[in-house]
mmCIF file of all heavy atoms, coordinates in Angstrom:
data_MODEL
# 
_entry.id   MODEL 
# 
loop_
_atom_site.group_PDB 
_atom_site.id 
_atom_site.type_symbol 
_atom_site.label_atom_id 
_atom_site.label_alt_id 
_atom_site.label_comp_id 
_atom_site.label_asym_id 
_atom_site.label_entity_id 
_atom_site.label_seq_id 
_atom_site.pdbx_PDB_ins_code 
_atom_site.Cartn_x 
_atom_site.Cartn_y 
_atom_site.Cartn_z 
_atom_site.occupancy 
_atom_site.B_iso_or_equiv 
_atom_site.pdbx_formal_charge 
_atom_site.auth_seq_id 
_atom_site.auth_comp_id 
_atom_site.auth_asym_id 
_atom_site.auth_atom_id 
_atom_site.pdbx_PDB_model_num 
ATOM 1   N N   . MET A 1 1  ? -2.172  0.341   -8.326  1.00 0.00 ? 1  MET A N   1 
ATOM 2   C CA  . MET A 1 1  ? -1.344  0.698   -7.181  1.00 0.00 ? 1  MET A CA  1 
ATOM 3   C C   . MET A 1 1  ? -0.962  2.169   -7.197  1.00 0.00 ? 1  MET A C   1 
ATOM 4   O O   . MET A 1 1  ? -0.774  2.784   -6.140  1.00 0.00 ? 1  MET A O   1 
ATOM 5   C CB  . MET A 1 1  ? -0.098  -0.186  -7.136  1.00 0.00 ? 1  MET A CB  1 
ATOM 6   C CG  . MET A 1 1  ? -0.408  -1.650  -6.820  1.00 0.00 ? 1  MET A CG  1 
ATOM 7   S SD  . MET A 1 1  ? -1.383  -1.861  -5.295  1.00 0.00 ? 1  MET A SD  1 
ATOM 8   C CE  . MET A 1 1  ? -0.232  -1.272  -4.061  1.00 0.00 ? 1  MET A CE  1 
ATOM 9   N N   . ARG A 1 2  ? -0.825  2.788   -8.385  1.00 0.00 ? 2  ARG A N   1 
ATOM 10  C CA  . ARG A 1 2  ? -0.545  4.226   -8.442  1.00 0.00 ? 2  ARG A CA  1 
ATOM 11  C C   . ARG A 1 2  ? -1.760  4.998   -7.881  1.00 0.00 ? 2  ARG A C   1 
ATOM 12  O O   . ARG A 1 2  ? -1.602  5.934   -7.099  1.00 0.00 ? 2  ARG A O   1 
ATOM 13  C CB  . ARG A 1 2  ? -0.270  4.639   -9.870  1.00 0.00 ? 2  ARG A CB  1 
ATOM 14  C CG  . ARG A 1 2  ? -0.228  6.152   -10.106 1.00 0.00 ? 2  ARG A CG  1 
ATOM 15  C CD  . ARG A 1 2  ? 0.827   6.866   -9.240  1.00 0.00 ? 2  ARG A CD  1 
ATOM 16  N NE  . ARG A 1 2  ? 0.711   8.311   -9.383  1.00 0.00 ? 2  ARG A NE  1 
ATOM 17  C CZ  . ARG A 1 2  ? 1.328   9.016   -10.329 1.00 0.00 ? 2  ARG A CZ  1 
ATOM 18  N NH1 . ARG A 1 2  ? 2.097   8.420   -11.220 1.00 0.00 ? 2  ARG A NH1 1 
ATOM 19  N NH2 . ARG A 1 2  ? 1.189   10.327  -10.387 1.00 0.00 ? 2  ARG A NH2 1 
ATOM 20  N N   . ILE A 1 3  ? -2.965  4.585   -8.291  1.00 0.00 ? 3  ILE A N   1 
ATOM 21  C CA  . ILE A 1 3  ? -4.173  5.234   -7.762  1.00 0.00 ? 3  ILE A CA  1 
ATOM 22  C C   . ILE A 1 3  ? -4.245  5.028   -6.254  1.00 0.00 ? 3  ILE A C   1 
ATOM 23  O O   . ILE A 1 3  ? -4.565  5.957   -5.496  1.00 0.00 ? 3  ILE A O   1 
ATOM 24  C CB  . ILE A 1 3  ? -5.423  4.645   -8.452  1.00 0.00 ? 3  ILE A CB  1 
ATOM 25  C CG1 . ILE A 1 3  ? -5.443  5.014   -9.929  1.00 0.00 ? 3  ILE A CG1 1 
ATOM 26  C CG2 . ILE A 1 3  ? -6.692  5.140   -7.761  1.00 0.00 ? 3  ILE A CG2 1 
ATOM 27  C CD1 . ILE A 1 3  ? -6.525  4.319   -10.726 1.00 0.00 ? 3  ILE A CD1 1 
ATOM 28  N N   . THR A 1 4  ? -3.915  3.812   -5.806  1.00 0.00 ? 4  THR A N   1 
ATOM 29  C CA  . THR A 1 4  ? -3.946  3.507   -4.381  1.00 0.00 ? 4  THR A CA  1 
ATOM 30  C C   . THR A 1 4  ? -3.036  4.428   -3.589  1.00 0.00 ? 4  THR A C   1 
ATOM 31  O O   . THR A 1 4  ? -3.426  4.984   -2.556  1.00 0.00 ? 4  THR A O   1 
ATOM 32  C CB  . THR A 1 4  ? -3.546  2.038   -4.157  1.00 0.00 ? 4  THR A CB  1 
ATOM 33  O OG1 . THR A 1 4  ? -4.503  1.178   -4.777  1.00 0.00 ? 4  THR A OG1 1 
ATOM 34  C CG2 . THR A 1 4  ? -3.466  1.702   -2.673  1.00 0.00 ? 4  THR A CG2 1 
ATOM 35  N N   . ARG A 1 5  ? -1.789  4.610   -4.072  1.00 0.00 ? 5  ARG A N   1 
ATOM 36  C CA  . ARG A 1 5  ? -0.866  5.468   -3.350  1.00 0.00 ? 5  ARG A CA  1 
ATOM 37  C C   . ARG A 1 5  ? -1.349  6.917   -3.310  1.00 0.00 ? 5  ARG A C   1 
ATOM 38  O O   . ARG A 1 5  ? -1.266  7.598   -2.288  1.00 0.00 ? 5  ARG A O   1 
ATOM 39  C CB  . ARG A 1 5  ? 0.531   5.421   -3.975  1.00 0.00 ? 5  ARG A CB  1 
ATOM 40  C CG  . ARG A 1 5  ? 1.590   6.080   -3.099  1.00 0.00 ? 5  ARG A CG  1 
ATOM 41  C CD  . ARG A 1 5  ? 2.910   6.186   -3.769  1.00 0.00 ? 5  ARG A CD  1 
ATOM 42  N NE  . ARG A 1 5  ? 2.857   7.105   -4.915  1.00 0.00 ? 5  ARG A NE  1 
ATOM 43  C CZ  . ARG A 1 5  ? 3.907   7.452   -5.640  1.00 0.00 ? 5  ARG A CZ  1 
ATOM 44  N NH1 . ARG A 1 5  ? 5.096   6.935   -5.349  1.00 0.00 ? 5  ARG A NH1 1 
ATOM 45  N NH2 . ARG A 1 5  ? 3.799   8.262   -6.668  1.00 0.00 ? 5  ARG A NH2 1 
ATOM 46  N N   . ASP A 1 6  ? -1.903  7.409   -4.441  1.00 0.00 ? 6  ASP A N   1 
ATOM 47  C CA  . ASP A 1 6  ? -2.420  8.774   -4.475  1.00 0.00 ? 6  ASP A CA  1 
ATOM 48  C C   . ASP A 1 6  ? -3.556  8.952   -3.476  1.00 0.00 ? 6  ASP A C   1 
ATOM 49  O O   . ASP A 1 6  ? -3.659  9.979   -2.800  1.00 0.00 ? 6  ASP A O   1 
ATOM 50  C CB  . ASP A 1 6  ? -2.908  9.122   -5.886  1.00 0.00 ? 6  ASP A CB  1 
ATOM 51  C CG  . ASP A 1 6  ? -1.765  9.281   -6.875  1.00 0.00 ? 6  ASP A CG  1 
ATOM 52  O OD1 . ASP A 1 6  ? -0.599  9.352   -6.423  1.00 0.00 ? 6  ASP A OD1 1 
ATOM 53  O OD2 . ASP A 1 6  ? -2.036  9.327   -8.091  1.00 0.00 ? 6  ASP A OD2 1 
ATOM 54  N N   . MET A 1 7  ? -4.447  7.968   -3.401  1.00 0.00 ? 7  MET A N   1 
ATOM 55  C CA  . MET A 1 7  ? -5.578  8.063   -2.470  1.00 0.00 ? 7  MET A CA  1 
ATOM 56  C C   . MET A 1 7  ? -5.114  7.978   -1.017  1.00 0.00 ? 7  MET A C   1 
ATOM 57  O O   . MET A 1 7  ? -5.673  8.641   -0.136  1.00 0.00 ? 7  MET A O   1 
ATOM 58  C CB  . MET A 1 7  ? -6.593  6.946   -2.753  1.00 0.00 ? 7  MET A CB  1 
ATOM 59  C CG  . MET A 1 7  ? -7.295  7.047   -4.099  1.00 0.00 ? 7  MET A CG  1 
ATOM 60  S SD  . MET A 1 7  ? -8.287  8.553   -4.293  1.00 0.00 ? 7  MET A SD  1 
ATOM 61  C CE  . MET A 1 7  ? -7.181  9.517   -5.328  1.00 0.00 ? 7  MET A CE  1 
ATOM 62  N N   . ILE A 1 8  ? -4.089  7.175   -0.749  1.00 0.00 ? 8  ILE A N   1 
ATOM 63  C CA  . ILE A 1 8  ? -3.562  7.081   0.626   1.00 0.00 ? 8  ILE A CA  1 
ATOM 64  C C   . ILE A 1 8  ? -2.924  8.400   1.031   1.00 0.00 ? 8  ILE A C   1 
ATOM 65  O O   . ILE A 1 8  ? -3.057  8.861   2.175   1.00 0.00 ? 8  ILE A O   1 
ATOM 66  C CB  . ILE A 1 8  ? -2.571  5.913   0.742   1.00 0.00 ? 8  ILE A CB  1 
ATOM 67  C CG1 . ILE A 1 8  ? -3.333  4.586   0.617   1.00 0.00 ? 8  ILE A CG1 1 
ATOM 68  C CG2 . ILE A 1 8  ? -1.822  5.965   2.064   1.00 0.00 ? 8  ILE A CG2 1 
ATOM 69  C CD1 . ILE A 1 8  ? -2.449  3.386   0.498   1.00 0.00 ? 8  ILE A CD1 1 
ATOM 70  N N   . ASP A 1 9  ? -2.239  9.059   0.094   1.00 0.00 ? 9  ASP A N   1 
ATOM 71  C CA  . ASP A 1 9  ? -1.709  10.394  0.373   1.00 0.00 ? 9  ASP A CA  1 
ATOM 72  C C   . ASP A 1 9  ? -2.845  11.351  0.713   1.00 0.00 ? 9  ASP A C   1 
ATOM 73  O O   . ASP A 1 9  ? -2.718  12.187  1.609   1.00 0.00 ? 9  ASP A O   1 
ATOM 74  C CB  . ASP A 1 9  ? -0.944  10.915  -0.852  1.00 0.00 ? 9  ASP A CB  1 
ATOM 75  C CG  . ASP A 1 9  ? 0.393   10.213  -1.047  1.00 0.00 ? 9  ASP A CG  1 
ATOM 76  O OD1 . ASP A 1 9  ? 0.855   9.535   -0.104  1.00 0.00 ? 9  ASP A OD1 1 
ATOM 77  O OD2 . ASP A 1 9  ? 0.969   10.324  -2.150  1.00 0.00 ? 9  ASP A OD2 1 
ATOM 78  N N   . ARG A 1 10 ? -3.949  11.235  -0.013  1.00 0.00 ? 10 ARG A N   1 
ATOM 79  C CA  . ARG A 1 10 ? -5.098  12.094  0.239   1.00 0.00 ? 10 ARG A CA  1 
ATOM 80  C C   . ARG A 1 10 ? -5.694  11.847  1.621   1.00 0.00 ? 10 ARG A C   1 
ATOM 81  O O   . ARG A 1 10 ? -6.177  12.765  2.278   1.00 0.00 ? 10 ARG A O   1 
ATOM 82  C CB  . ARG A 1 10 ? -6.143  11.830  -0.858  1.00 0.00 ? 10 ARG A CB  1 
ATOM 83  C CG  . ARG A 1 10 ? -7.304  12.793  -0.878  1.00 0.00 ? 10 ARG A CG  1 
ATOM 84  C CD  . ARG A 1 10 ? -7.989  12.694  -2.229  1.00 0.00 ? 10 ARG A CD  1 
ATOM 85  N NE  . ARG A 1 10 ? -9.398  12.367  -2.126  1.00 0.00 ? 10 ARG A NE  1 
ATOM 86  C CZ  . ARG A 1 10 ? -10.202 12.202  -3.164  1.00 0.00 ? 10 ARG A CZ  1 
ATOM 87  N NH1 . ARG A 1 10 ? -9.735  12.346  -4.386  1.00 0.00 ? 10 ARG A NH1 1 
ATOM 88  N NH2 . ARG A 1 10 ? -11.471 11.915  -2.997  1.00 0.00 ? 10 ARG A NH2 1 
ATOM 89  N N   . LEU A 1 11 ? -5.631  10.598  2.082   1.00 0.00 ? 11 LEU A N   1 
ATOM 90  C CA  . LEU A 1 11 ? -6.155  10.234  3.395   1.00 0.00 ? 11 LEU A CA  1 
ATOM 91  C C   . LEU A 1 11 ? -5.181  10.568  4.521   1.00 0.00 ? 11 LEU A C   1 
ATOM 92  O O   . LEU A 1 11 ? -5.560  10.534  5.699   1.00 0.00 ? 11 LEU A O   1 
ATOM 93  C CB  . LEU A 1 11 ? -6.465  8.733   3.435   1.00 0.00 ? 11 LEU A CB  1 
ATOM 94  C CG  . LEU A 1 11 ? -7.677  8.255   2.628   1.00 0.00 ? 11 LEU A CG  1 
ATOM 95  C CD1 . LEU A 1 11 ? -7.624  6.738   2.462   1.00 0.00 ? 11 LEU A CD1 1 
ATOM 96  C CD2 . LEU A 1 11 ? -8.968  8.682   3.289   1.00 0.00 ? 11 LEU A CD2 1 
ATOM 97  N N   . GLY A 1 12 ? -3.933  10.858  4.180   1.00 0.00 ? 12 GLY A N   1 
ATOM 98  C CA  . GLY A 1 12 ? -2.936  11.142  5.206   1.00 0.00 ? 12 GLY A CA  1 
ATOM 99  C C   . GLY A 1 12 ? -2.377  9.885   5.844   1.00 0.00 ? 12 GLY A C   1 
ATOM 100 O O   . GLY A 1 12 ? -1.956  9.915   7.011   1.00 0.00 ? 12 GLY A O   1 
ATOM 101 N N   . GLY A 1 13 ? -2.346  8.783   5.084   1.00 0.00 ? 13 GLY A N   1 
ATOM 102 C CA  . GLY A 1 13 ? -1.869  7.515   5.630   1.00 0.00 ? 13 GLY A CA  1 
ATOM 103 C C   . GLY A 1 13 ? -0.620  7.006   4.951   1.00 0.00 ? 13 GLY A C   1 
ATOM 104 O O   . GLY A 1 13 ? 0.016   7.704   4.157   1.00 0.00 ? 13 GLY A O   1 
ATOM 105 N N   . LEU A 1 14 ? -0.263  5.763   5.264   1.00 0.00 ? 14 LEU A N   1 
ATOM 106 C CA  . LEU A 1 14 ? 0.927   5.116   4.703   1.00 0.00 ? 14 LEU A CA  1 
ATOM 107 C C   . LEU A 1 14 ? 0.551   3.734   4.179   1.00 0.00 ? 14 LEU A C   1 
ATOM 108 O O   . LEU A 1 14 ? -0.424  3.120   4.632   1.00 0.00 ? 14 LEU A O   1 
ATOM 109 C CB  . LEU A 1 14 ? 2.014   4.970   5.769   1.00 0.00 ? 14 LEU A CB  1 
ATOM 110 C CG  . LEU A 1 14 ? 2.588   6.279   6.353   1.00 0.00 ? 14 LEU A CG  1 
ATOM 111 C CD1 . LEU A 1 14 ? 3.503   5.954   7.525   1.00 0.00 ? 14 LEU A CD1 1 
ATOM 112 C CD2 . LEU A 1 14 ? 3.338   7.058   5.284   1.00 0.00 ? 14 LEU A CD2 1 
ATOM 113 N N   . ILE A 1 15 ? 1.329   3.230   3.203   1.00 0.00 ? 15 ILE A N   1 
ATOM 114 C CA  . ILE A 1 15 ? 1.100   1.902   2.659   1.00 0.00 ? 15 ILE A CA  1 
ATOM 115 C C   . ILE A 1 15 ? 2.380   1.096   2.733   1.00 0.00 ? 15 ILE A C   1 
ATOM 116 O O   . ILE A 1 15 ? 3.480   1.630   2.527   1.00 0.00 ? 15 ILE A O   1 
ATOM 117 C CB  . ILE A 1 15 ? 0.606   1.980   1.196   1.00 0.00 ? 15 ILE A CB  1 
ATOM 118 C CG1 . ILE A 1 15 ? 0.358   0.573   0.630   1.00 0.00 ? 15 ILE A CG1 1 
ATOM 119 C CG2 . ILE A 1 15 ? 1.585   2.755   0.316   1.00 0.00 ? 15 ILE A CG2 1 
ATOM 120 C CD1 . ILE A 1 15 ? -0.320  0.568   -0.731  1.00 0.00 ? 15 ILE A CD1 1 
ATOM 121 N N   . ASP A 1 16 ? 2.259   -0.169  3.073   1.00 0.00 ? 16 ASP A N   1 
ATOM 122 C CA  . ASP A 1 16 ? 3.394   -1.092  3.091   1.00 0.00 ? 16 ASP A CA  1 
ATOM 123 C C   . ASP A 1 16 ? 3.014   -2.322  2.279   1.00 0.00 ? 16 ASP A C   1 
ATOM 124 O O   . ASP A 1 16 ? 1.964   -2.939  2.546   1.00 0.00 ? 16 ASP A O   1 
ATOM 125 C CB  . ASP A 1 16 ? 3.744   -1.503  4.520   1.00 0.00 ? 16 ASP A CB  1 
ATOM 126 C CG  . ASP A 1 16 ? 4.868   -2.514  4.561   1.00 0.00 ? 16 ASP A CG  1 
ATOM 127 O OD1 . ASP A 1 16 ? 6.008   -2.152  4.229   1.00 0.00 ? 16 ASP A OD1 1 
ATOM 128 O OD2 . ASP A 1 16 ? 4.595   -3.687  4.905   1.00 0.00 ? 16 ASP A OD2 1 
ATOM 129 N N   . VAL A 1 17 ? 3.832   -2.655  1.266   1.00 0.00 ? 17 VAL A N   1 
ATOM 130 C CA  . VAL A 1 17 ? 3.575   -3.806  0.399   1.00 0.00 ? 17 VAL A CA  1 
ATOM 131 C C   . VAL A 1 17 ? 4.746   -4.771  0.542   1.00 0.00 ? 17 VAL A C   1 
ATOM 132 O O   . VAL A 1 17 ? 5.913   -4.372  0.405   1.00 0.00 ? 17 VAL A O   1 
ATOM 133 C CB  . VAL A 1 17 ? 3.441   -3.371  -1.079  1.00 0.00 ? 17 VAL A CB  1 
ATOM 134 C CG1 . VAL A 1 17 ? 3.147   -4.581  -1.960  1.00 0.00 ? 17 VAL A CG1 1 
ATOM 135 C CG2 . VAL A 1 17 ? 2.354   -2.317  -1.231  1.00 0.00 ? 17 VAL A CG2 1 
ATOM 136 N N   . CYS A 1 18 ? 4.445   -6.030  0.809   1.00 0.00 ? 18 CYS A N   1 
ATOM 137 C CA  . CYS A 1 18 ? 5.504   -7.019  0.954   1.00 0.00 ? 18 CYS A CA  1 
ATOM 138 C C   . CYS A 1 18 ? 4.957   -8.400  0.623   1.00 0.00 ? 18 CYS A C   1 
ATOM 139 O O   . CYS A 1 18 ? 3.761   -8.576  0.382   1.00 0.00 ? 18 CYS A O   1 
ATOM 140 C CB  . CYS A 1 18 ? 6.063   -7.007  2.371   1.00 0.00 ? 18 CYS A CB  1 
ATOM 141 S SG  . CYS A 1 18 ? 4.861   -7.472  3.641   1.00 0.00 ? 18 CYS A SG  1 
ATOM 142 N N   . ASN A 1 19 ? 5.835   -9.366  0.597   1.00 0.00 ? 19 ASN A N   1 
ATOM 143 C CA  . ASN A 1 19 ? 5.430   -10.752 0.429   1.00 0.00 ? 19 ASN A CA  1 
ATOM 144 C C   . ASN A 1 19 ? 5.296   -11.409 1.796   1.00 0.00 ? 19 ASN A C   1 
ATOM 145 O O   . ASN A 1 19 ? 6.081   -11.134 2.721   1.00 0.00 ? 19 ASN A O   1 
ATOM 146 C CB  . ASN A 1 19 ? 6.460   -11.504 -0.406  1.00 0.00 ? 19 ASN A CB  1 
ATOM 147 C CG  . ASN A 1 19 ? 6.453   -11.058 -1.852  1.00 0.00 ? 19 ASN A CG  1 
ATOM 148 O OD1 . ASN A 1 19 ? 5.397   -10.847 -2.432  1.00 0.00 ? 19 ASN A OD1 1 
ATOM 149 N ND2 . ASN A 1 19 ? 7.634   -10.901 -2.433  1.00 0.00 ? 19 ASN A ND2 1 
ATOM 150 N N   . SER A 1 20 ? 4.320   -12.270 1.948   1.00 0.00 ? 20 SER A N   1 
ATOM 151 C CA  . SER A 1 20 ? 4.130   -12.988 3.209   1.00 0.00 ? 20 SER A CA  1 
ATOM 152 C C   . SER A 1 20 ? 5.250   -14.008 3.373   1.00 0.00 ? 20 SER A C   1 
ATOM 153 O O   . SER A 1 20 ? 5.818   -14.493 2.386   1.00 0.00 ? 20 SER A O   1 
ATOM 154 C CB  . SER A 1 20 ? 2.775   -13.687 3.213   1.00 0.00 ? 20 SER A CB  1 
ATOM 155 O OG  . SER A 1 20 ? 1.725   -12.734 3.111   1.00 0.00 ? 20 SER A OG  1 
ATOM 156 N N   . PRO A 1 21 ? 5.580   -14.378 4.620   1.00 0.00 ? 21 PRO A N   1 
ATOM 157 C CA  . PRO A 1 21 ? 6.663   -15.338 4.850   1.00 0.00 ? 21 PRO A CA  1 
ATOM 158 C C   . PRO A 1 21 ? 6.462   -16.672 4.127   1.00 0.00 ? 21 PRO A C   1 
ATOM 159 O O   . PRO A 1 21 ? 7.415   -17.257 3.616   1.00 0.00 ? 21 PRO A O   1 
ATOM 160 C CB  . PRO A 1 21 ? 6.633   -15.523 6.372   1.00 0.00 ? 21 PRO A CB  1 
ATOM 161 C CG  . PRO A 1 21 ? 6.027   -14.271 6.893   1.00 0.00 ? 21 PRO A CG  1 
ATOM 162 C CD  . PRO A 1 21 ? 5.034   -13.833 5.867   1.00 0.00 ? 21 PRO A CD  1 
ATOM 163 N N   . GLY A 1 22 ? 5.219   -17.138 4.076   1.00 0.00 ? 22 GLY A N   1 
ATOM 164 C CA  . GLY A 1 22 ? 4.960   -18.403 3.395   1.00 0.00 ? 22 GLY A CA  1 
ATOM 165 C C   . GLY A 1 22 ? 4.774   -18.195 1.903   1.00 0.00 ? 22 GLY A C   1 
ATOM 166 O O   . GLY A 1 22 ? 5.656   -18.443 1.088   1.00 0.00 ? 22 GLY A O   1 
ATOM 167 N N   . ALA A 1 23 ? 3.606   -17.712 1.529   1.00 0.00 ? 23 ALA A N   1 
ATOM 168 C CA  . ALA A 1 23 ? 3.298   -17.439 0.127   1.00 0.00 ? 23 ALA A CA  1 
ATOM 169 C C   . ALA A 1 23 ? 2.256   -16.337 0.081   1.00 0.00 ? 23 ALA A C   1 
ATOM 170 O O   . ALA A 1 23 ? 1.502   -16.136 1.023   1.00 0.00 ? 23 ALA A O   1 
ATOM 171 C CB  . ALA A 1 23 ? 2.782   -18.710 -0.566  1.00 0.00 ? 23 ALA A CB  1 
ATOM 172 N N   . GLY A 1 24 ? 2.219   -15.642 -1.051  1.00 0.00 ? 24 GLY A N   1 
ATOM 173 C CA  . GLY A 1 24 ? 1.222   -14.611 -1.224  1.00 0.00 ? 24 GLY A CA  1 
ATOM 174 C C   . GLY A 1 24 ? 1.737   -13.229 -0.878  1.00 0.00 ? 24 GLY A C   1 
ATOM 175 O O   . GLY A 1 24 ? 2.880   -13.062 -0.427  1.00 0.00 ? 24 GLY A O   1 
# 
Protein backbone atom coordinates (compact mmCIF):
# COMPACT_ATOMS: atom_id res chain seq x y z
CA MET A 1 0.00 0.00 0.00
CA ARG A 2 2.95 2.38 0.54
CA ILE A 3 4.13 1.65 -3.02
CA THR A 4 0.55 2.08 -4.23
CA ARG A 5 0.22 5.53 -2.66
CA ASP A 6 3.59 6.65 -4.08
CA MET A 7 2.59 5.51 -7.57
CA ILE A 8 -0.81 7.24 -7.31
CA ASP A 9 0.99 10.46 -6.38
CA ARG A 10 3.13 9.97 -9.48
CA LEU A 11 -0.02 9.57 -11.59
CA GLY A 12 -1.63 12.67 -10.09
CA GLY A 13 -4.57 10.75 -8.63
CA LEU A 14 -6.24 9.94 -5.31
CA ILE A 15 -6.90 6.71 -3.40
CA ASP A 16 -9.78 5.86 -1.08
CA VAL A 17 -9.67 2.70 1.08
CA CYS A 18 -12.68 1.56 3.09
CA ASN A 19 -14.69 -1.45 4.12
CA SER A 20 -17.74 -2.43 2.10
CA PRO A 21 -21.14 -2.12 3.84
CA GLY A 22 -21.60 -5.88 3.87
CA ALA A 23 -18.19 -7.54 4.00
CA GLY A 24 -14.83 -7.13 2.37
